[in-house]
Amino acid sequence: AQDAPLVAIGVPLILFFILDVGLTFVTPALTFSTSSARSALSI
């Protein structure tokens, strides 16, 4: 971010979007199906 402000904005948005897609059903699994984070990630 010190030398590339556009990278500081664009890259986090892309990474968090990917993370959000991957966790789409992980958080419901952790809420409704299991209390184990590893199991929720697998489900």
All heavy atoms as atom14 arrays in JSON, in Angstrom:
{
  "sequence": "AQDAPLVAIGVPLILFFILDVGLTFVTPALTFSTSSARSALSI",
  "atom14_mask": [
    [1, 1, 1, 1, 1, 0, 0, 0, 0, 0, 0, 0, 0, 0],
    [1, 1, 1, 1, 1, 1, 1, 1, 1, 0, 0, 0, 0, 0],
    [1, 1, 1, 1, 1, 1, 1, 1, 0, 0, 0, 0, 0, 0],
    [1, 1, 1, 1, 1, 0, 0, 0, 0, 0, 0, 0, 0, 0],
    [1, 1, 1, 1, 1, 1, 1, 0, 0, 0, 0, 0, 0, 0],
    [1, 1, 1, 1, 1, 1, 1, 1, 0, 0, 0, 0, 0, 0],
    [1, 1, 1, 1, 1, 1, 1, 0, 0, 0, 0, 0, 0, 0],
    [1, 1, 1, 1, 1, 0, 0, 0, 0, 0, 0, 0, 0, 0],
    [1, 1, 1, 1, 1, 1, 1, 1, 0, 0, 0, 0, 0, 0],
    [1, 1, 1, 1, 0, 0, 0, 0, 0, 0, 0, 0, 0, 0],
    [1, 1, 1, 1, 1, 1, 1, 0, 0, 0, 0, 0, 0, 0],
    [1, 1, 1, 1, 1, 1, 1, 0, 0, 0, 0, 0, 0, 0],
    [1, 1, 1, 1, 1, 1, 1, 1, 0, 0, 0, 0, 0, 0],
    [1, 1, 1, 1, 1, 1, 1, 1, 0, 0, 0, 0, 0, 0],
    [1, 1, 1, 1, 1, 1, 1, 1, 0, 0, 0, 0, 0, 0],
    [1, 1, 1, 1, 1, 1, 1, 1, 1, 1, 1, 0, 0, 0],
    [1, 1, 1, 1, 1, 1, 1, 1, 1, 1, 1, 0, 0, 0],
    [1, 1, 1, 1, 1, 1, 1, 1, 0, 0, 0, 0, 0, 0],
    [1, 1, 1, 1, 1, 1, 1, 1, 0, 0, 0, 0, 0, 0],
    [1, 1, 1, 1, 1, 1, 1, 1, 0, 0, 0, 0, 0, 0],
    [1, 1, 1, 1, 1, 1, 1, 0, 0, 0, 0, 0, 0, 0],
    [1, 1, 1, 1, 0, 0, 0, 0, 0, 0, 0, 0, 0, 0],
    [1, 1, 1, 1, 1, 1, 1, 1, 0, 0, 0, 0, 0, 0],
    [1, 1, 1, 1, 1, 1, 1, 0, 0, 0, 0, 0, 0, 0],
    [1, 1, 1, 1, 1, 1, 1, 1, 1, 1, 1, 0, 0, 0],
    [1, 1, 1, 1, 1, 1, 1, 0, 0, 0, 0, 0, 0, 0],
    [1, 1, 1, 1, 1, 1, 1, 0, 0, 0, 0, 0, 0, 0],
    [1, 1, 1, 1, 1, 1, 1, 0, 0, 0, 0, 0, 0, 0],
    [1, 1, 1, 1, 1, 0, 0, 0, 0, 0, 0, 0, 0, 0],
    [1, 1, 1, 1, 1, 1, 1, 1, 0, 0, 0, 0, 0, 0],
    [1, 1, 1, 1, 1, 1, 1, 0, 0, 0, 0, 0, 0, 0],
    [1, 1, 1, 1, 1, 1, 1, 1, 1, 1, 1, 0, 0, 0],
    [1, 1, 1, 1, 1, 1, 0, 0, 0, 0, 0, 0, 0, 0],
    [1, 1, 1, 1, 1, 1, 1, 0, 0, 0, 0, 0, 0, 0],
    [1, 1, 1, 1, 1, 1, 0, 0, 0, 0, 0, 0, 0, 0],
    [1, 1, 1, 1, 1, 1, 0, 0, 0, 0, 0, 0, 0, 0],
    [1, 1, 1, 1, 1, 0, 0, 0, 0, 0, 0, 0, 0, 0],
    [1, 1, 1, 1, 1, 1, 1, 1, 1, 1, 1, 0, 0, 0],
    [1, 1, 1, 1, 1, 1, 0, 0, 0, 0, 0, 0, 0, 0],
    [1, 1, 1, 1, 1, 0, 0, 0, 0, 0, 0, 0, 0, 0],
    [1, 1, 1, 1, 1, 1, 1, 1, 0, 0, 0, 0, 0, 0],
    [1, 1, 1, 1, 1, 1, 0, 0, 0, 0, 0, 0, 0, 0],
    [1, 1, 1, 1, 1, 1, 1, 1, 0, 0, 0, 0, 0, 0]
  ],
  "atom14_positions": [
    [[0.82, -1.22, 0.0], [0.0, 0.0, 0.0], [0.85, 1.26, 0.0], [0.4, 2.32, -0.45], [-0.93, -0.01, 1.21], [0.0, 0.0, 0.0], [0.0, 0.0, 0.0], [0.0, 0.0, 0.0], [0.0, 0.0, 0.0], [0.0, 0.0, 0.0], [0.0, 0.0, 0.0], [0.0, 0.0, 0.0], [0.0, 0.0, 0.0], [0.0, 0.0, 0.0]],
    [[2.07, 1.18, 0.5], [2.92, 2.37, 0.58], [3.3, 2.87, -0.81], [3.4, 4.08, -1.02], [4.18, 2.04, 1.39], [3.88, 1.63, 2.83], [5.14, 1.21, 3.58], [6.24, 1.29, 3.05], [4.97, 0.74, 4.8], [0.0, 0.0, 0.0], [0.0, 0.0, 0.0], [0.0, 0.0, 0.0], [0.0, 0.0, 0.0], [0.0, 0.0, 0.0]],
    [[3.5, 1.97, -1.74], [3.95, 2.37, -3.07], [2.92, 2.11, -4.16], [3.09, 2.59, -5.29], [5.24, 1.62, -3.42], [6.36, 1.91, -2.42], [6.52, 3.08, -2.05], [7.02, 0.95, -2.01], [0.0, 0.0, 0.0], [0.0, 0.0, 0.0], [0.0, 0.0, 0.0], [0.0, 0.0, 0.0], [0.0, 0.0, 0.0], [0.0, 0.0, 0.0]],
    [[1.88, 1.35, -3.84], [0.89, 0.99, -4.87], [-0.52, 1.08, -4.29], [-1.1, 0.05, -3.91], [1.18, -0.41, -5.4], [0.0, 0.0, 0.0], [0.0, 0.0, 0.0], [0.0, 0.0, 0.0], [0.0, 0.0, 0.0], [0.0, 0.0, 0.0], [0.0, 0.0, 0.0], [0.0, 0.0, 0.0], [0.0, 0.0, 0.0], [0.0, 0.0, 0.0]],
    [[-1.1, 2.28, -4.19], [-2.42, 2.42, -3.59], [-3.52, 1.67, -4.32], [-4.47, 1.18, -3.71], [-2.67, 3.94, -3.62], [-1.71, 4.46, -4.65], [-0.52, 3.57, -4.6], [0.0, 0.0, 0.0], [0.0, 0.0, 0.0], [0.0, 0.0, 0.0], [0.0, 0.0, 0.0], [0.0, 0.0, 0.0], [0.0, 0.0, 0.0], [0.0, 0.0, 0.0]],
    [[-3.41, 1.56, -5.65], [-4.41, 0.81, -6.4], [-4.38, -0.66, -6.04], [-5.41, -1.33, -5.95], [-4.19, 0.99, -7.9], [-4.49, 2.39, -8.47], [-4.21, 2.43, -9.96], [-5.94, 2.79, -8.19], [0.0, 0.0, 0.0], [0.0, 0.0, 0.0], [0.0, 0.0, 0.0], [0.0, 0.0, 0.0], [0.0, 0.0, 0.0], [0.0, 0.0, 0.0]],
    [[-3.18, -1.17, -5.8], [-3.04, -2.57, -5.37], [-3.66, -2.73, -3.98], [-4.33, -3.73, -3.7], [-1.56, -2.98, -5.34], [-1.39, -4.36, -4.7], [-0.99, -2.98, -6.75], [0.0, 0.0, 0.0], [0.0, 0.0, 0.0], [0.0, 0.0, 0.0], [0.0, 0.0, 0.0], [0.0, 0.0, 0.0], [0.0, 0.0, 0.0], [0.0, 0.0, 0.0]],
    [[-3.47, -1.73, -3.13], [-3.99, -1.8, -1.77], [-5.51, -1.86, -1.74], [-6.11, -2.38, -0.8], [-3.52, -0.6, -0.96], [0.0, 0.0, 0.0], [0.0, 0.0, 0.0], [0.0, 0.0, 0.0], [0.0, 0.0, 0.0], [0.0, 0.0, 0.0], [0.0, 0.0, 0.0], [0.0, 0.0, 0.0], [0.0, 0.0, 0.0], [0.0, 0.0, 0.0]],
    [[-6.17, -1.32, -2.77], [-7.63, -1.35, -2.83], [-8.11, -2.56, -3.63], [-8.96, -3.33, -3.17], [-8.18, -0.06, -3.48], [-7.88, 1.15, -2.58], [-9.69, -0.19, -3.7], [-8.28, 2.47, -3.21], [0.0, 0.0, 0.0], [0.0, 0.0, 0.0], [0.0, 0.0, 0.0], [0.0, 0.0, 0.0], [0.0, 0.0, 0.0], [0.0, 0.0, 0.0]],
    [[-7.55, -2.76, -4.81], [-8.06, -3.79, -5.71], [-7.78, -5.21, -5.26], [-8.68, -6.06, -5.29], [0.0, 0.0, 0.0], [0.0, 0.0, 0.0], [0.0, 0.0, 0.0], [0.0, 0.0, 0.0], [0.0, 0.0, 0.0], [0.0, 0.0, 0.0], [0.0, 0.0, 0.0], [0.0, 0.0, 0.0], [0.0, 0.0, 0.0], [0.0, 0.0, 0.0]],
    [[-6.56, -5.47, -4.83], [-6.2, -6.84, -4.44], [-7.01, -7.33, -3.24], [-7.53, -8.46, -3.26], [-4.69, -6.95, -4.18], [-4.34, -8.33, -3.61], [-3.91, -6.7, -5.46], [0.0, 0.0, 0.0], [0.0, 0.0, 0.0], [0.0, 0.0, 0.0], [0.0, 0.0, 0.0], [0.0, 0.0, 0.0], [0.0, 0.0, 0.0], [0.0, 0.0, 0.0]],
    [[-7.17, -6.52, -2.17], [-8.0, -7.01, -1.05], [-9.43, -7.31, -1.47], [-10.02, -8.29, -1.0], [-7.97, -5.84, -0.05], [-6.71, -5.11, -0.35], [-6.53, -5.23, -1.83], [0.0, 0.0, 0.0], [0.0, 0.0, 0.0], [0.0, 0.0, 0.0], [0.0, 0.0, 0.0], [0.0, 0.0, 0.0], [0.0, 0.0, 0.0], [0.0, 0.0, 0.0]],
    [[-10.0, -6.49, -2.35], [-11.37, -6.75, -2.79], [-11.47, -8.09, -3.52], [-12.41, -8.86, -3.3], [-11.84, -5.62, -3.71], [-12.04, -4.25, -3.04], [-12.54, -3.25, -4.05], [-13.0, -4.35, -1.87], [0.0, 0.0, 0.0], [0.0, 0.0, 0.0], [0.0, 0.0, 0.0], [0.0, 0.0, 0.0], [0.0, 0.0, 0.0], [0.0, 0.0, 0.0]],
    [[-10.5, -8.38, -4.35], [-10.49, -9.65, -5.08], [-10.33, -10.83, -4.12], [-11.04, -11.83, -4.19], [-9.38, -9.66, -6.14], [-9.67, -8.62, -7.22], [-9.24, -11.06, -6.76], [-8.53, -8.43, -8.2], [0.0, 0.0, 0.0], [0.0, 0.0, 0.0], [0.0, 0.0, 0.0], [0.0, 0.0, 0.0], [0.0, 0.0, 0.0], [0.0, 0.0, 0.0]],
    [[-9.38, -10.68, -3.18], [-9.11, -11.76, -2.22], [-10.31, -12.01, -1.32], [-10.67, -13.16, -1.05], [-7.87, -11.43, -1.4], [-6.55, -11.39, -2.17], [-5.41, -10.98, -1.25], [-6.25, -12.75, -2.8], [0.0, 0.0, 0.0], [0.0, 0.0, 0.0], [0.0, 0.0, 0.0], [0.0, 0.0, 0.0], [0.0, 0.0, 0.0], [0.0, 0.0, 0.0]],
    [[-10.92, -10.92, -0.83], [-12.06, -11.1, 0.06], [-13.27, -11.65, -0.7], [-14.1, -12.35, -0.13], [-12.42, -9.78, 0.74], [-11.56, -9.48, 1.94], [-10.72, -8.39, 1.95], [-11.62, -10.3, 3.06], [-9.92, -8.12, 3.05], [-10.83, -10.04, 4.16], [-9.97, -8.94, 4.17], [0.0, 0.0, 0.0], [0.0, 0.0, 0.0], [0.0, 0.0, 0.0]],
    [[-13.38, -11.31, -1.98], [-14.45, -11.89, -2.79], [-14.26, -13.4, -2.9], [-15.21, -14.17, -2.73], [-14.47, -11.25, -4.18], [-15.47, -11.87, -5.1], [-16.82, -11.64, -4.94], [-15.05, -12.71, -6.13], [-17.75, -12.22, -5.79], [-15.97, -13.29, -6.99], [-17.33, -13.04, -6.81], [0.0, 0.0, 0.0], [0.0, 0.0, 0.0], [0.0, 0.0, 0.0]],
    [[-13.03, -13.82, -3.17], [-12.74, -15.26, -3.26], [-13.03, -15.94, -1.93], [-13.63, -17.03, -1.88], [-11.27, -15.48, -3.68], [-11.04, -14.97, -5.11], [-10.91, -16.96, -3.58], [-9.59, -14.97, -5.53], [0.0, 0.0, 0.0], [0.0, 0.0, 0.0], [0.0, 0.0, 0.0], [0.0, 0.0, 0.0], [0.0, 0.0, 0.0], [0.0, 0.0, 0.0]],
    [[-12.62, -15.28, -0.84], [-12.87, -15.84, 0.49], [-14.36, -15.94, 0.77], [-14.84, -16.94, 1.31], [-12.19, -14.96, 1.54], [-12.29, -15.42, 3.0], [-11.56, -16.74, 3.19], [-11.73, -14.36, 3.94], [0.0, 0.0, 0.0], [0.0, 0.0, 0.0], [0.0, 0.0, 0.0], [0.0, 0.0, 0.0], [0.0, 0.0, 0.0], [0.0, 0.0, 0.0]],
    [[-15.11, -14.91, 0.37], [-16.55, -14.9, 0.6], [-17.24, -16.02, -0.16], [-18.15, -16.68, 0.35], [-17.12, -13.54, 0.17], [-18.57, -13.37, 0.57], [-18.88, -13.6, 1.75], [-19.39, -13.01, -0.3], [0.0, 0.0, 0.0], [0.0, 0.0, 0.0], [0.0, 0.0, 0.0], [0.0, 0.0, 0.0], [0.0, 0.0, 0.0], [0.0, 0.0, 0.0]],
    [[-16.8, -16.26, -1.4], [-17.36, -17.36, -2.19], [-17.09, -18.69, -1.51], [-17.97, -19.54, -1.36], [-16.78, -17.35, -3.62], [-17.17, -18.63, -4.36], [-17.27, -16.13, -4.39], [0.0, 0.0, 0.0], [0.0, 0.0, 0.0], [0.0, 0.0, 0.0], [0.0, 0.0, 0.0], [0.0, 0.0, 0.0], [0.0, 0.0, 0.0], [0.0, 0.0, 0.0]],
    [[-15.85, -18.89, -1.07], [-15.49, -20.14, -0.43], [-16.24, -20.4, 0.86], [-16.52, -21.55, 1.23], [0.0, 0.0, 0.0], [0.0, 0.0, 0.0], [0.0, 0.0, 0.0], [0.0, 0.0, 0.0], [0.0, 0.0, 0.0], [0.0, 0.0, 0.0], [0.0, 0.0, 0.0], [0.0, 0.0, 0.0], [0.0, 0.0, 0.0], [0.0, 0.0, 0.0]],
    [[-16.6, -19.32, 1.58], [-17.27, -19.47, 2.88], [-18.79, -19.41, 2.77], [-19.47, -19.37, 3.8], [-16.79, -18.36, 3.83], [-15.32, -18.4, 4.24], [-15.0, -17.24, 5.16], [-14.96, -19.72, 4.91], [0.0, 0.0, 0.0], [0.0, 0.0, 0.0], [0.0, 0.0, 0.0], [0.0, 0.0, 0.0], [0.0, 0.0, 0.0], [0.0, 0.0, 0.0]],
    [[-19.31, -19.42, 1.56], [-20.76, -19.27, 1.36], [-21.57, -20.19, 2.26], [-22.52, -19.76, 2.93], [-21.14, -19.55, -0.11], [-20.47, -18.6, -0.95], [-22.64, -19.44, -0.32], [0.0, 0.0, 0.0], [0.0, 0.0, 0.0], [0.0, 0.0, 0.0], [0.0, 0.0, 0.0], [0.0, 0.0, 0.0], [0.0, 0.0, 0.0], [0.0, 0.0, 0.0]],
    [[-21.22, -21.47, 2.29], [-21.97, -22.44, 3.08], [-21.21, -22.89, 4.33], [-21.73, -23.71, 5.09], [-22.34, -23.64, 2.22], [-23.21, -23.28, 1.04], [-22.74, -23.46, -0.25], [-24.46, -22.74, 1.23], [-23.53, -23.12, -1.35], [-25.26, -22.39, 0.14], [-24.79, -22.58, -1.15], [0.0, 0.0, 0.0], [0.0, 0.0, 0.0], [0.0, 0.0, 0.0]],
    [[-20.03, -22.35, 4.55], [-19.27, -22.69, 5.75], [-19.92, -22.06, 6.97], [-20.08, -22.72, 8.02], [-17.81, -22.23, 5.62], [-17.05, -22.46, 6.93], [-17.12, -22.97, 4.47], [0.0, 0.0, 0.0], [0.0, 0.0, 0.0], [0.0, 0.0, 0.0], [0.0, 0.0, 0.0], [0.0, 0.0, 0.0], [0.0, 0.0, 0.0], [0.0, 0.0, 0.0]],
    [[-20.29, -20.8, 6.87], [-20.91, -20.13, 8.02], [-22.28, -20.73, 8.36], [-22.56, -20.93, 9.56], [-21.01, -18.62, 7.77], [-21.46, -18.37, 6.44], [-19.67, -17.95, 7.96], [0.0, 0.0, 0.0], [0.0, 0.0, 0.0], [0.0, 0.0, 0.0], [0.0, 0.0, 0.0], [0.0, 0.0, 0.0], [0.0, 0.0, 0.0], [0.0, 0.0, 0.0]],
    [[-23.15, -21.05, 7.39], [-24.37, -21.76, 7.77], [-24.09, -23.13, 8.39], [-24.79, -23.55, 9.32], [-25.14, -21.9, 6.45], [-24.63, -20.8, 5.6], [-23.19, -20.66, 5.97], [0.0, 0.0, 0.0], [0.0, 0.0, 0.0], [0.0, 0.0, 0.0], [0.0, 0.0, 0.0], [0.0, 0.0, 0.0], [0.0, 0.0, 0.0], [0.0, 0.0, 0.0]],
    [[-23.07, -23.82, 7.88], [-22.72, -25.12, 8.46], [-22.29, -24.97, 9.91], [-22.64, -25.78, 10.78], [-21.61, -25.78, 7.65], [0.0, 0.0, 0.0], [0.0, 0.0, 0.0], [0.0, 0.0, 0.0], [0.0, 0.0, 0.0], [0.0, 0.0, 0.0], [0.0, 0.0, 0.0], [0.0, 0.0, 0.0], [0.0, 0.0, 0.0], [0.0, 0.0, 0.0]],
    [[-21.54, -23.92, 10.21], [-21.07, -23.67, 11.57], [-22.23, -23.25, 12.47], [-22.18, -23.46, 13.68], [-20.0, -22.57, 11.55], [-19.07, -22.47, 12.76], [-18.32, -23.78, 12.97], [-18.08, -21.33, 12.55], [0.0, 0.0, 0.0], [0.0, 0.0, 0.0], [0.0, 0.0, 0.0], [0.0, 0.0, 0.0], [0.0, 0.0, 0.0], [0.0, 0.0, 0.0]],
    [[-23.27, -22.7, 11.88], [-24.44, -22.27, 12.64], [-25.4, -23.42, 12.89], [-25.92, -23.57, 14.0], [-25.19, -21.15, 11.9], [-24.3, -20.07, 11.64], [-26.36, -20.65, 12.72], [0.0, 0.0, 0.0], [0.0, 0.0, 0.0], [0.0, 0.0, 0.0], [0.0, 0.0, 0.0], [0.0, 0.0, 0.0], [0.0, 0.0, 0.0], [0.0, 0.0, 0.0]],
    [[-25.63, -24.24, 11.89], [-26.71, -25.22, 11.97], [-26.28, -26.68, 12.09], [-27.06, -27.5, 12.58], [-27.59, -25.11, 10.71], [-28.17, -23.75, 10.49], [-27.95, -23.07, 9.3], [-28.95, -23.14, 11.46], [-28.48, -21.81, 9.08], [-29.49, -21.87, 11.26], [-29.26, -21.21, 10.07], [0.0, 0.0, 0.0], [0.0, 0.0, 0.0], [0.0, 0.0, 0.0]],
    [[-25.07, -27.02, 11.65], [-24.73, -28.43, 11.53], [-23.62, -28.9, 12.46], [-23.59, -30.07, 12.83], [-24.33, -28.75, 10.08], [-25.4, -28.46, 9.19], [0.0, 0.0, 0.0], [0.0, 0.0, 0.0], [0.0, 0.0, 0.0], [0.0, 0.0, 0.0], [0.0, 0.0, 0.0], [0.0, 0.0, 0.0], [0.0, 0.0, 0.0], [0.0, 0.0, 0.0]],
    [[-22.69, -28.04, 12.81], [-21.54, -28.46, 13.61], [-20.94, -27.27, 14.34], [-21.08, -26.13, 13.88], [-20.47, -29.11, 12.71], [-19.34, -29.51, 13.52], [-19.98, -28.14, 11.65], [0.0, 0.0, 0.0], [0.0, 0.0, 0.0], [0.0, 0.0, 0.0], [0.0, 0.0, 0.0], [0.0, 0.0, 0.0], [0.0, 0.0, 0.0], [0.0, 0.0, 0.0]],
    [[-20.27, -27.55, 15.44], [-19.54, -26.49, 16.16], [-18.05, -26.54, 15.85], [-17.28, -25.74, 16.36], [-19.75, -26.62, 17.67], [-19.27, -27.87, 18.13], [0.0, 0.0, 0.0], [0.0, 0.0, 0.0], [0.0, 0.0, 0.0], [0.0, 0.0, 0.0], [0.0, 0.0, 0.0], [0.0, 0.0, 0.0], [0.0, 0.0, 0.0], [0.0, 0.0, 0.0]],
    [[-17.66, -27.5, 14.99], [-16.26, -27.65, 14.6], [-15.97, -26.82, 13.37], [-16.63, -26.98, 12.33], [-15.94, -29.12, 14.33], [-14.71, -29.26, 13.66], [0.0, 0.0, 0.0], [0.0, 0.0, 0.0], [0.0, 0.0, 0.0], [0.0, 0.0, 0.0], [0.0, 0.0, 0.0], [0.0, 0.0, 0.0], [0.0, 0.0, 0.0], [0.0, 0.0, 0.0]],
    [[-14.99, -25.93, 13.47], [-14.64, -25.09, 12.32], [-14.12, -25.93, 11.16], [-14.44, -25.66, 10.0], [-13.58, -24.06, 12.74], [0.0, 0.0, 0.0], [0.0, 0.0, 0.0], [0.0, 0.0, 0.0], [0.0, 0.0, 0.0], [0.0, 0.0, 0.0], [0.0, 0.0, 0.0], [0.0, 0.0, 0.0], [0.0, 0.0, 0.0], [0.0, 0.0, 0.0]],
    [[-13.34, -26.96, 11.45], [-12.82, -27.82, 10.38], [-13.95, -28.58, 9.69], [-13.98, -28.7, 8.45], [-11.79, -28.8, 10.95], [-10.51, -28.14, 11.43], [-9.48, -29.17, 11.88], [-8.27, -28.53, 12.38], [-7.27, -28.12, 11.62], [-7.34, -28.32, 10.31], [-6.21, -27.55, 12.15], [0.0, 0.0, 0.0], [0.0, 0.0, 0.0], [0.0, 0.0, 0.0]],
    [[-14.88, -29.1, 10.47], [-16.01, -29.82, 9.87], [-16.87, -28.88, 9.05], [-17.34, -29.23, 7.96], [-16.85, -30.48, 10.97], [-16.11, -31.48, 11.64], [0.0, 0.0, 0.0], [0.0, 0.0, 0.0], [0.0, 0.0, 0.0], [0.0, 0.0, 0.0], [0.0, 0.0, 0.0], [0.0, 0.0, 0.0], [0.0, 0.0, 0.0], [0.0, 0.0, 0.0]],
    [[-17.08, -27.66, 9.57], [-17.88, -26.68, 8.83], [-17.22, -26.32, 7.51], [-17.9, -26.16, 6.49], [-18.08, -25.43, 9.68], [0.0, 0.0, 0.0], [0.0, 0.0, 0.0], [0.0, 0.0, 0.0], [0.0, 0.0, 0.0], [0.0, 0.0, 0.0], [0.0, 0.0, 0.0], [0.0, 0.0, 0.0], [0.0, 0.0, 0.0], [0.0, 0.0, 0.0]],
    [[-15.9, -26.2, 7.53], [-15.17, -25.88, 6.3], [-15.33, -27.01, 5.29], [-15.56, -26.77, 4.1], [-13.7, -25.65, 6.62], [-12.84, -24.95, 5.57], [-13.37, -23.56, 5.27], [-11.39, -24.89, 6.02], [0.0, 0.0, 0.0], [0.0, 0.0, 0.0], [0.0, 0.0, 0.0], [0.0, 0.0, 0.0], [0.0, 0.0, 0.0], [0.0, 0.0, 0.0]],
    [[-15.25, -28.25, 5.77], [-15.41, -29.4, 4.89], [-16.83, -29.48, 4.33], [-17.04, -29.69, 3.13], [-15.07, -30.68, 5.65], [-15.3, -31.83, 4.85], [0.0, 0.0, 0.0], [0.0, 0.0, 0.0], [0.0, 0.0, 0.0], [0.0, 0.0, 0.0], [0.0, 0.0, 0.0], [0.0, 0.0, 0.0], [0.0, 0.0, 0.0], [0.0, 0.0, 0.0]],
    [[-17.83, -29.29, 5.2], [-19.22, -29.33, 4.78], [-19.51, -28.23, 3.76], [-20.13, -28.46, 2.71], [-20.17, -29.19, 5.99], [-20.08, -30.41, 6.89], [-21.61, -28.97, 5.53], [-20.79, -30.26, 8.23], [0.0, 0.0, 0.0], [0.0, 0.0, 0.0], [0.0, 0.0, 0.0], [0.0, 0.0, 0.0], [0.0, 0.0, 0.0], [0.0, 0.0, 0.0]]
  ]
}
